[in-house]
C-alpha atoms as a PDB file:
ATOM      1  CA  MET A   1       0.000   0.000   0.000  1.00  0.00           C
ATOM      2  CA  SER A   2       1.417   3.341  -0.966  1.00  0.00           C
ATOM      3  CA  LYS A   3       1.714   6.072   1.614  1.00  0.00           C
ATOM      4  CA  GLU A   4      -0.173   8.444  -0.707  1.00  0.00           C
ATOM      5  CA  SER A   5      -3.107   6.021  -1.010  1.00  0.00           C
ATOM      6  CA  THR A   6      -3.397   5.696   2.772  1.00  0.00           C
ATOM      7  CA  ASN A   7      -3.231   9.475   3.164  1.00  0.00           C
ATOM      8  CA  ASN A   8      -6.108   9.900   0.677  1.00  0.00           C
ATOM      9  CA  GLN A   9      -8.331   7.440   2.563  1.00  0.00           C
ATOM     10  CA  LEU A  10      -7.528   8.987   5.926  1.00  0.00           C
ATOM     11  CA  ALA A  11      -7.891  12.520   4.569  1.00  0.00           C
ATOM     12  CA  TYR A  12     -11.375  11.645   3.295  1.00  0.00           C
ATOM     13  CA  ALA A  13     -12.407  10.251   6.684  1.00  0.00           C
ATOM     14  CA  ASP A  14     -10.777  13.199   8.497  1.00  0.00           C
ATOM     15  CA  GLU A  15     -12.641  15.735   6.338  1.00  0.00           C
ATOM     16  CA  TRP A  16     -15.948  14.168   7.330  1.00  0.00           C
ATOM     17  CA  ILE A  17     -14.938  13.941  10.979  1.00  0.00           C
ATOM     18  CA  THR A  18     -14.174  17.671  10.907  1.00  0.00           C
ATOM     19  CA  HIS A  19     -17.420  18.391   9.045  1.00  0.00           C
ATOM     20  CA  PHE A  20     -19.579  16.527  11.571  1.00  0.00           C
ATOM     21  CA  LYS A  21     -17.626  17.988  14.492  1.00  0.00           C
ATOM     22  CA  GLY A  22     -18.368  21.514  13.258  1.00  0.00           C
ATOM     23  CA  LYS A  23     -22.053  20.777  12.656  1.00  0.00           C
ATOM     24  CA  SER A  24     -22.345  19.157  16.084  1.00  0.00           C
ATOM     25  CA  ALA A  25     -20.704  22.111  17.830  1.00  0.00           C
ATOM     26  CA  HIS A  26     -22.960  24.596  16.025  1.00  0.00           C
ATOM     27  CA  ASN A  27     -26.149  22.741  16.967  1.00  0.00           C
ATOM     28  CA  LYS A  28     -25.012  22.276  20.566  1.00  0.00           C
ATOM     29  CA  LEU A  29     -24.324  25.997  20.885  1.00  0.00           C
ATOM     30  CA  GLU A  30     -27.660  26.892  19.288  1.00  0.00           C
ATOM     31  CA  SER A  31     -29.546  24.500  21.542  1.00  0.00           C
ATOM     32  CA  LEU A  32     -27.870  25.672  24.733  1.00  0.00           C
ATOM     33  CA  TRP A  33     -28.284  29.382  23.969  1.00  0.00           C
ATOM     34  CA  CYS A  34     -31.968  28.987  23.143  1.00  0.00           C
ATOM     35  CA  PHE A  35     -32.474  27.035  26.351  1.00  0.00           C
ATOM     36  CA  ARG A  36     -30.648  29.704  28.392  1.00  0.00           C
ATOM     37  CA  LEU A  37     -32.708  32.490  26.831  1.00  0.00           C
ATOM     38  CA  ILE A  38     -35.946  30.622  27.497  1.00  0.00           C
ATOM     39  CA  MET A  39     -34.991  30.089  31.137  1.00  0.00           C
ATOM     40  CA  PHE A  40     -33.794  33.668  31.675  1.00  0.00           C
ATOM     41  CA  CYS A  41     -36.836  35.258  30.014  1.00  0.00           C
ATOM     42  CA  SER A  42     -39.326  32.924  31.698  1.00  0.00           C
ATOM     43  CA  ILE A  43     -37.888  33.647  35.135  1.00  0.00           C
ATOM     44  CA  SER A  44     -37.389  37.394  34.598  1.00  0.00           C
ATOM     45  CA  ALA A  45     -40.769  38.339  33.101  1.00  0.00           C
ATOM     46  CA  PRO A  46     -42.840  37.670  36.268  1.00  0.00           C
ATOM     47  CA  MET A  47     -40.295  39.569  38.368  1.00  0.00           C
ATOM     48  CA  PHE A  48     -40.734  42.661  36.220  1.00  0.00           C
ATOM     49  CA  LEU A  49     -44.518  42.292  36.433  1.00  0.00           C
ATOM     50  CA  ALA A  50     -44.444  42.068  40.204  1.00  0.00           C
ATOM     51  CA  LEU A  51     -41.792  44.667  40.908  1.00  0.00           C
ATOM     52  CA  GLY A  52     -42.222  47.126  38.050  1.00  0.00           C
ATOM     53  CA  GLU A  53     -43.933  50.379  38.872  1.00  0.00           C
ATOM     54  CA  THR A  54     -43.630  52.137  35.534  1.00  0.00           C
ATOM     55  CA  PHE A  55     -45.229  51.221  32.235  1.00  0.00           C
ATOM     56  CA  ILE A  56     -41.887  50.140  30.736  1.00  0.00           C
ATOM     57  CA  PHE A  57     -40.951  47.832  33.613  1.00  0.00           C
ATOM     58  CA  SER A  58     -44.412  46.385  34.220  1.00  0.00           C
ATOM     59  CA  LYS A  59     -45.653  46.018  30.617  1.00  0.00           C
ATOM     60  CA  VAL A  60     -43.032  46.470  27.876  1.00  0.00           C
ATOM     61  CA  ILE A  61     -40.114  44.511  29.317  1.00  0.00           C
ATOM     62  CA  PRO A  62     -42.194  41.491  30.463  1.00  0.00           C
ATOM     63  CA  SER A  63     -43.909  41.404  27.059  1.00  0.00           C
ATOM     64  CA  ALA A  64     -40.580  41.491  25.240  1.00  0.00           C
ATOM     65  CA  LEU A  65     -39.124  38.780  27.490  1.00  0.00           C
ATOM     66  CA  SER A  66     -42.188  36.584  26.913  1.00  0.00           C
ATOM     67  CA  GLY A  67     -41.865  37.119  23.174  1.00  0.00           C
ATOM     68  CA  VAL A  68     -38.205  36.080  23.196  1.00  0.00           C
ATOM     69  CA  ALA A  69     -39.029  32.969  25.244  1.00  0.00           C
ATOM     70  CA  ALA A  70     -41.854  32.042  22.857  1.00  0.00           C
ATOM     71  CA  PHE A  71     -39.631  32.577  19.818  1.00  0.00           C
ATOM     72  CA  CYS A  72     -36.798  30.450  21.244  1.00  0.00           C
ATOM     73  CA  THR A  73     -39.240  27.692  22.212  1.00  0.00           C
ATOM     74  CA  ALA A  74     -40.683  27.625  18.698  1.00  0.00           C
ATOM     75  CA  TRP A  75     -37.166  27.681  17.228  1.00  0.00           C
ATOM     76  CA  LEU A  76     -36.118  24.643  19.290  1.00  0.00           C
ATOM     77  CA  GLN A  77     -39.256  22.767  18.285  1.00  0.00           C
ATOM     78  CA  LEU A  78     -38.904  23.600  14.604  1.00  0.00           C
ATOM     79  CA  ARG A  79     -35.132  23.311  14.080  1.00  0.00           C
ATOM     80  CA  LYS A  80     -34.499  20.565  16.674  1.00  0.00           C
ATOM     81  CA  PRO A  81     -30.837  21.457  17.197  1.00  0.00           C
ATOM     82  CA  GLN A  82     -30.544  19.098  20.176  1.00  0.00           C
ATOM     83  CA  ILE A  83     -31.488  16.150  17.942  1.00  0.00           C
ATOM     84  CA  LEU A  84     -29.168  17.333  15.173  1.00  0.00           C
ATOM     85  CA  TRP A  85     -26.405  17.744  17.749  1.00  0.00           C
ATOM     86  CA  THR A  86     -26.661  14.070  18.751  1.00  0.00           C
ATOM     87  CA  THR A  87     -26.962  12.964  15.112  1.00  0.00           C
ATOM     88  CA  TYR A  88     -23.784  14.759  14.065  1.00  0.00           C
ATOM     89  CA  LYS A  89     -21.833  13.873  17.219  1.00  0.00           C
ATOM     90  CA  THR A  90     -22.733  10.196  16.755  1.00  0.00           C
ATOM     91  CA  ALA A  91     -21.517  10.274  13.146  1.00  0.00           C
ATOM     92  CA  GLN A  92     -18.300  11.991  14.237  1.00  0.00           C
ATOM     93  CA  ARG A  93     -17.627   9.336  16.881  1.00  0.00           C
ATOM     94  CA  GLN A  94     -18.431   6.475  14.500  1.00  0.00           C
ATOM     95  CA  LEU A  95     -15.952   7.859  11.962  1.00  0.00           C
ATOM     96  CA  GLU A  96     -13.282   8.316  14.646  1.00  0.00           C
ATOM     97  CA  VAL A  97     -13.696   4.697  15.745  1.00  0.00           C
ATOM     98  CA  LEU A  98     -13.593   3.525  12.135  1.00  0.00           C
ATOM     99  CA  ARG A  99     -10.442   5.551  11.525  1.00  0.00           C
ATOM    100  CA  ALA A 100      -8.742   4.005  14.572  1.00  0.00           C
ATOM    101  CA  LYS A 101      -9.691   0.473  13.507  1.00  0.00           C
ATOM    102  CA  TYR A 102      -8.261   1.167  10.044  1.00  0.00           C
ATOM    103  CA  GLN A 103      -5.049   2.717  11.355  1.00  0.00           C
ATOM    104  CA  PHE A 104      -4.341  -0.031  13.874  1.00  0.00           C
ATOM    105  CA  LYS A 105      -5.588  -2.890  11.663  1.00  0.00           C
ATOM    106  CA  VAL A 106      -8.118  -4.317  14.120  1.00  0.00           C
ATOM    107  CA  GLU A 107     -11.423  -6.143  13.714  1.00  0.00           C
ATOM    108  CA  GLU A 108     -12.604  -6.042  10.102  1.00  0.00           C
ATOM    109  CA  PHE A 109      -9.320  -4.453   8.961  1.00  0.00           C
ATOM    110  CA  SER A 110      -7.029  -7.035  10.583  1.00  0.00           C
ATOM    111  CA  ASP A 111      -6.401  -9.871   8.134  1.00  0.00           C
ATOM    112  CA  ILE A 112      -6.998  -8.283   4.754  1.00  0.00           C
ATOM    113  CA  PRO A 113      -4.649  -6.763   2.146  1.00  0.00           C
ATOM    114  CA  ASP A 114      -4.019  -3.041   2.388  1.00  0.00           C
ATOM    115  CA  THR A 115      -5.861  -2.265  -0.845  1.00  0.00           C
ATOM    116  CA  GLU A 116      -8.958  -4.039   0.492  1.00  0.00           C
ATOM    117  CA  ALA A 117      -8.624  -2.163   3.783  1.00  0.00           C
ATOM    118  CA  ASP A 118      -8.575   1.122   1.844  1.00  0.00           C
ATOM    119  CA  LYS A 119     -11.751   0.178  -0.013  1.00  0.00           C
ATOM    120  CA  LEU A 120     -13.415  -0.955   3.195  1.00  0.00           C
ATOM    121  CA  LEU A 121     -12.581   2.334   4.935  1.00  0.00           C
ATOM    122  CA  ILE A 122     -14.144   4.318   2.100  1.00  0.00           C
ATOM    123  CA  LYS A 123     -17.190   2.012   2.004  1.00  0.00           C
ATOM    124  CA  TYR A 124     -17.836   2.294   5.745  1.00  0.00           C
ATOM    125  CA  THR A 125     -17.191   6.044   5.702  1.00  0.00           C
ATOM    126  CA  THR A 126     -19.718   6.614   2.929  1.00  0.00           C
ATOM    127  CA  ASP A 127     -22.195   4.305   4.702  1.00  0.00           C
ATOM    128  CA  ILE A 128     -21.961   6.414   7.863  1.00  0.00           C
ATOM    129  CA  ILE A 129     -22.364   9.625   5.832  1.00  0.00           C
ATOM    130  CA  SER A 130     -25.393   8.200   4.050  1.00  0.00           C
ATOM    131  CA  LYS A 131     -27.043   6.983   7.273  1.00  0.00           C
ATOM    132  CA  THR A 132     -26.418  10.354   8.908  1.00  0.00           C
ATOM    133  CA  ASN A 133     -28.032  12.131   5.967  1.00  0.00           C
ATOM    134  CA  MET A 134     -31.038   9.817   6.160  1.00  0.00           C
ATOM    135  CA  THR A 135     -31.375  10.517   9.895  1.00  0.00           C
ATOM    136  CA  TRP A 136     -31.053  14.257   9.265  1.00  0.00           C
ATOM    137  CA  SER A 137     -33.609  14.261   6.463  1.00  0.00           C
ATOM    138  CA  SER A 138     -36.139  12.389   8.602  1.00  0.00           C
ATOM    139  CA  GLN A 139     -35.939  15.253  11.114  1.00  0.00           C
ATOM    140  CA  VAL A 140     -36.653  17.922   8.510  1.00  0.00           C
ATOM    141  CA  ILE A 141     -40.420  18.057   8.183  1.00  0.00           C
ATOM    142  CA  GLU A 142     -42.260  20.847   6.444  1.00  0.00           C
ATOM    143  CA  TYR A 143     -45.865  21.812   7.042  1.00  0.00           C
ATOM    144  CA  THR A 144     -48.110  23.417   4.478  1.00  0.00           C
ATOM    145  CA  PRO A 145     -50.022  26.236   6.180  1.00  0.00           C
ATOM    146  CA  ALA A 146     -53.209  25.791   4.120  1.00  0.00           C
ATOM    147  CA  GLN A 147     -53.513  22.040   4.510  1.00  0.00           C
ATOM    148  CA  ASN A 148     -51.593  21.545   7.770  1.00  0.00           C
ATOM    149  CA  LYS A 149     -50.264  18.272   6.352  1.00  0.00           C
ATOM    150  CA  LYS A 150     -46.802  16.837   6.662  1.00  0.00           C
ATOM    151  CA  ILE A 151     -44.690  16.859   3.530  1.00  0.00           C
ATOM    152  CA  LYS A 152     -41.500  14.858   3.427  1.00  0.00           C
END
């Protein structure tokens, strides 16, 4: 097996590991920030209602905080970043395990020629990518406003 061939296989797997790592981090951050905003706004709004003496503090600020909480709640329900976070993190971990098995010639990579190991790495990598895409696409559901029916 040529060094260049091995580098191509590993580079392909590494690119996808990096891709899924970035997607996972983005969705985790989005999920956590929405959750924090919901908690902060939900806790703060009643305090302003109870303690506010002016129109701004007793009406405007609580209304704005409630609006932000409602928006973030709808965003989490629609976008589902917490589910996407686990989907992408799982794919990242699966690819990292696959890469380690390939590099250290264990399990399915142990007693086969290097060229077959290269092909197997690419096959398993593309299988993981495909399964991740299928999982992602099953989470993306659109609703038609007029009919209120699911469209996949």
